[in-house]
Amino acid sequence: MKAGMRNSFALFLLLSLLSNTGCMLGGGTVQVAAPPAPAPLLPRGLDPLPLAPAAGLTRVVLDADGRRATVTEVLSWNDSQARAVGTSLSVTEHGEHSRPICITPCEFDFEPGLHVLRLDAGPARTETVRLQVGSKRKLLRVAVGYDVPAPRDGTTGVVLQALGASAAVVGAILWAASSTAPADSRESLASTGIALTLAGSAGFLLGIPLAYQKPRTRQPSSITEVDLPTAP
């Protein structure tokens, strides 16, 4: 009986290690290859602005490689962090001041200098581009990638593993105690301990795949930026 108890306990430890290994393999980030860079050509469906740019401004053609994307310019931003005294609790806040530009494909007249543009092409498809504008007309085309966060669906598995581990430990204790219990309760303790150990181990094993954390998936964007000849 003692040998059987030792073997069961060793098996339980092995299952614990396997479970932890499985959880460590979950999560992380899966990097997907970037889409092909857009061709350095004016996009289809572009509705040119009717008037020439005002003095001191440079016209830029914006496109999301065929997708309709909302373009905004980030004018300023600030990051602040508050920490509760005497604790490790902290809150980080990010604020931005921006202005709407247009919906791609489109044209917009910018002042020369560095501009931070954000293209929003739908859920999980957002890209921030730093564009240096000079005196020459420019084309900016962005094949916007995506960033899909990892789903938070592993809680059930973790709870099931915890409950299964607890039941298995209690069962193992009862099983071990049955060897020294009075004769009239020995069989009852042993059967209860075995049942709890088996049920707990089964719940523990079932929780392993449920606790696996699926990875985040990210595809970087591809950017084409070229100067254009002056419009006639």
Protein backbone atom coordinates (compact mmCIF):
# COMPACT_ATOMS: atom_id res chain seq x y z
CA MET A 1 0.00 0.00 0.00
CA LYS A 2 2.83 2.42 0.90
CA ALA A 3 4.56 1.71 -2.43
CA GLY A 4 1.30 2.40 -4.24
CA MET A 5 0.91 5.66 -2.33
CA ARG A 6 4.42 6.77 -3.27
CA ASN A 7 3.79 5.94 -6.93
CA SER A 8 0.53 7.93 -6.94
CA PHE A 9 2.23 10.92 -5.34
CA ALA A 10 5.07 10.80 -7.86
CA LEU A 11 2.53 10.67 -10.71
CA PHE A 12 0.75 13.68 -9.26
CA LEU A 13 3.99 15.68 -9.13
CA LEU A 14 4.74 14.70 -12.72
CA LEU A 15 1.32 15.90 -13.84
CA SER A 16 1.94 19.19 -12.01
CA LEU A 17 5.20 19.72 -13.88
CA LEU A 18 3.60 18.89 -17.21
CA SER A 19 0.78 21.32 -16.47
CA ASN A 20 3.18 24.13 -15.62
CA THR A 21 5.17 23.44 -18.78
CA GLY A 22 2.02 23.67 -20.87
CA CYS A 23 1.06 27.01 -19.31
CA MET A 24 4.53 28.43 -19.92
CA LEU A 25 4.29 27.47 -23.59
CA GLY A 26 1.07 29.46 -23.91
CA GLY A 27 0.85 33.21 -24.36
CA GLY A 28 3.60 35.19 -26.03
CA THR A 29 3.31 36.72 -29.49
CA VAL A 30 3.08 35.08 -32.90
CA GLN A 31 4.73 37.33 -35.48
CA VAL A 32 3.19 37.10 -38.97
CA ALA A 33 5.07 38.22 -42.08
CA ALA A 34 4.33 41.78 -43.17
CA PRO A 35 2.15 42.29 -46.26
CA PRO A 36 3.87 43.29 -49.53
CA ALA A 37 4.76 46.97 -49.70
CA PRO A 38 2.23 48.96 -51.77
CA ALA A 39 3.29 49.97 -55.26
CA PRO A 40 4.54 53.58 -55.54
CA LEU A 41 1.52 54.53 -57.66
CA LEU A 42 -1.42 56.82 -57.08
CA PRO A 43 -4.26 54.81 -55.53
CA ARG A 44 -7.46 54.02 -57.37
CA GLY A 45 -10.51 56.02 -56.40
CA LEU A 46 -8.50 59.08 -55.37
CA ASP A 47 -10.56 62.28 -55.57
CA PRO A 48 -7.97 65.06 -56.01
CA LEU A 49 -8.43 68.36 -54.22
CA PRO A 50 -9.76 70.95 -56.69
CA LEU A 51 -7.36 73.77 -55.75
CA ALA A 52 -3.59 73.94 -55.56
CA PRO A 53 -2.07 73.96 -52.06
CA ALA A 54 -1.82 77.32 -50.36
CA ALA A 55 1.54 79.03 -50.11
CA GLY A 56 3.85 77.30 -47.63
CA LEU A 57 1.93 74.00 -47.68
CA THR A 58 2.83 70.67 -49.32
CA ARG A 59 0.26 68.23 -50.71
CA VAL A 60 0.45 64.61 -49.55
CA VAL A 61 -1.50 61.69 -51.01
CA LEU A 62 -2.57 59.22 -48.30
CA ASP A 63 -3.68 55.65 -48.91
CA ALA A 64 -4.15 52.44 -46.89
CA ASP A 65 -3.44 50.12 -49.83
CA GLY A 66 -7.06 49.95 -50.97
CA ARG A 67 -8.64 49.98 -47.48
CA ARG A 68 -10.74 52.81 -46.13
CA ALA A 69 -8.83 54.13 -43.16
CA THR A 70 -9.46 57.14 -40.95
CA VAL A 71 -6.36 59.33 -40.74
CA THR A 72 -5.71 61.57 -37.75
CA GLU A 73 -2.66 63.61 -36.84
CA VAL A 74 -1.31 63.37 -33.30
CA LEU A 75 -0.38 66.92 -32.35
CA SER A 76 0.77 66.30 -28.79
CA TRP A 77 0.70 63.60 -26.12
CA ASN A 78 1.59 63.05 -22.51
CA ASP A 79 2.11 60.06 -20.23
CA SER A 80 1.54 60.24 -16.50
CA GLN A 81 1.88 57.67 -13.73
CA ALA A 82 0.38 57.74 -10.24
CA ARG A 83 1.59 55.43 -7.48
CA ALA A 84 -0.15 54.85 -4.16
CA VAL A 85 2.16 55.63 -1.24
CA GLY A 86 3.33 52.52 0.59
CA THR A 87 2.01 50.10 -2.04
CA SER A 88 3.05 48.71 -5.40
CA LEU A 89 -0.22 49.87 -7.00
CA SER A 90 0.34 52.24 -9.92
CA VAL A 91 -1.88 53.69 -12.66
CA THR A 92 -0.51 54.84 -16.02
CA GLU A 93 -2.48 57.28 -18.17
CA HIS A 94 -1.79 58.21 -21.80
CA GLY A 95 -3.40 61.30 -23.28
CA GLU A 96 -3.28 62.72 -26.82
CA HIS A 97 -4.42 65.82 -28.66
CA SER A 98 -5.15 65.11 -32.31
CA ARG A 99 -6.99 66.46 -35.35
CA PRO A 100 -8.88 64.61 -38.10
CA ILE A 101 -7.26 64.60 -41.53
CA CYS A 102 -9.27 62.52 -44.03
CA ILE A 103 -10.47 59.05 -45.03
CA THR A 104 -8.24 57.22 -47.49
CA PRO A 105 -7.62 57.44 -50.36
CA CYS A 106 -7.28 61.20 -50.01
CA GLU A 107 -5.08 64.27 -50.25
CA PHE A 108 -4.16 66.75 -47.56
CA ASP A 109 -1.96 69.84 -47.42
CA PHE A 110 0.61 69.85 -44.59
CA GLU A 111 3.12 72.37 -43.37
CA PRO A 112 6.72 71.22 -43.91
CA GLY A 113 8.12 69.31 -40.94
CA LEU A 114 7.59 66.09 -39.04
CA HIS A 115 4.01 64.83 -38.70
CA VAL A 116 2.75 61.86 -36.66
CA LEU A 117 -0.15 60.26 -38.53
CA ARG A 118 -2.38 57.45 -37.30
CA LEU A 119 -4.28 55.26 -39.75
CA ASP A 120 -7.23 53.34 -38.34
CA ALA A 121 -8.41 50.70 -40.82
CA GLY A 122 -10.79 48.81 -38.52
CA PRO A 123 -10.64 46.51 -35.48
CA ALA A 124 -7.06 45.53 -34.60
CA ARG A 125 -5.74 47.41 -37.69
CA THR A 126 -4.04 50.63 -36.61
CA GLU A 127 -0.68 52.04 -37.60
CA THR A 128 1.23 55.16 -36.54
CA VAL A 129 3.56 56.68 -39.13
CA ARG A 130 6.07 59.50 -38.77
CA LEU A 131 6.03 61.48 -42.01
CA GLN A 132 8.67 64.06 -42.87
CA VAL A 133 7.12 66.64 -45.20
CA GLY A 134 9.31 68.86 -47.34
CA SER A 135 8.65 71.07 -50.32
CA LYS A 136 7.92 68.23 -52.77
CA ARG A 137 4.53 66.60 -53.26
CA LYS A 138 4.55 63.21 -51.54
CA LEU A 139 2.79 59.83 -51.65
CA LEU A 140 2.30 57.76 -48.50
CA ARG A 141 0.77 54.31 -48.88
CA VAL A 142 0.45 51.96 -45.89
CA ALA A 143 -0.53 48.29 -46.00
CA VAL A 144 -1.87 48.27 -42.44
CA GLY A 145 -1.06 45.13 -40.46
CA TYR A 146 -2.97 43.89 -37.45
CA ASP A 147 -2.48 43.25 -33.75
CA VAL A 148 -4.92 40.73 -32.24
CA PRO A 149 -4.54 40.49 -28.45
CA ALA A 150 -4.50 37.12 -26.73
CA PRO A 151 -7.98 36.06 -25.60
CA ARG A 152 -8.35 35.79 -21.84
CA ASP A 153 -10.04 32.38 -21.77
CA GLY A 154 -7.76 30.37 -19.43
CA THR A 155 -9.48 31.15 -16.11
CA THR A 156 -11.74 28.08 -16.19
CA GLY A 157 -8.78 25.77 -16.70
CA VAL A 158 -6.79 27.34 -13.85
CA VAL A 159 -9.73 26.99 -11.45
CA LEU A 160 -10.31 23.39 -12.55
CA GLN A 161 -6.64 22.57 -12.01
CA ALA A 162 -6.68 24.12 -8.53
CA LEU A 163 -9.81 22.22 -7.51
CA GLY A 164 -8.51 18.98 -9.00
CA ALA A 165 -5.16 19.35 -7.24
CA SER A 166 -6.88 20.02 -3.91
CA ALA A 167 -9.16 16.99 -4.29
CA ALA A 168 -6.24 14.76 -5.27
CA VAL A 169 -4.17 15.88 -2.25
CA VAL A 170 -7.07 15.31 0.15
CA GLY A 171 -7.71 11.92 -1.44
CA ALA A 172 -4.08 10.93 -1.12
CA ILE A 173 -4.09 11.92 2.58
CA LEU A 174 -7.22 9.87 3.25
CA TRP A 175 -5.82 6.93 1.33
CA ALA A 176 -2.58 7.07 3.33
CA ALA A 177 -4.48 7.44 6.63
CA SER A 178 -6.58 4.35 5.92
CA SER A 179 -3.57 2.10 6.52
CA THR A 180 -3.47 3.10 10.21
CA ALA A 181 -7.20 3.60 10.75
CA PRO A 182 -9.36 1.23 12.82
CA ALA A 183 -10.47 -1.87 10.94
CA ASP A 184 -14.13 -0.82 10.82
CA SER A 185 -13.33 2.47 8.95
CA ARG A 186 -10.24 1.38 7.00
CA GLU A 187 -12.09 0.27 3.87
CA SER A 188 -14.32 3.36 3.81
CA LEU A 189 -11.36 5.74 4.11
CA ALA A 190 -9.42 3.90 1.44
CA SER A 191 -12.28 3.89 -1.08
CA THR A 192 -13.05 7.58 -0.42
CA GLY A 193 -9.38 8.50 -0.77
CA ILE A 194 -8.99 6.57 -4.01
CA ALA A 195 -12.15 8.12 -5.45
CA LEU A 196 -11.02 11.66 -4.56
CA THR A 197 -7.52 11.05 -5.91
CA LEU A 198 -8.82 9.72 -9.22
CA ALA A 199 -11.48 12.44 -9.57
CA GLY A 200 -9.02 15.18 -8.65
CA SER A 201 -6.40 13.88 -11.08
CA ALA A 202 -9.01 13.74 -13.84
CA GLY A 203 -10.05 17.35 -13.15
CA PHE A 204 -6.42 18.39 -13.02
CA LEU A 205 -5.72 16.79 -16.42
CA LEU A 206 -8.86 18.30 -17.94
CA GLY A 207 -7.80 21.76 -16.79
CA ILE A 208 -4.44 21.61 -18.60
CA PRO A 209 -5.74 22.30 -22.15
CA LEU A 210 -8.36 24.73 -20.81
CA ALA A 211 -5.69 26.78 -19.03
CA TYR A 212 -3.53 27.11 -22.14
CA GLN A 213 -3.16 30.81 -23.01
CA LYS A 214 -3.51 31.44 -26.73
CA PRO A 215 -0.84 33.79 -28.11
CA ARG A 216 -1.21 37.33 -29.33
CA THR A 217 -0.96 37.62 -33.12
CA ARG A 218 0.80 40.56 -34.72
CA GLN A 219 1.49 41.51 -38.33
CA PRO A 220 3.66 44.61 -38.93
CA SER A 221 2.63 47.12 -41.56
CA SER A 222 4.44 47.84 -44.83
CA ILE A 223 4.97 51.45 -45.87
CA THR A 224 5.74 53.04 -49.22
CA GLU A 225 6.77 56.70 -49.16
CA VAL A 226 7.93 58.50 -52.30
CA ASP A 227 8.12 62.00 -53.71
CA LEU A 228 5.80 62.76 -56.60
CA PRO A 229 6.27 65.07 -59.56
CA THR A 230 4.56 68.41 -59.25
CA ALA A 231 0.93 68.18 -60.30
CA PRO A 232 0.17 70.01 -63.55
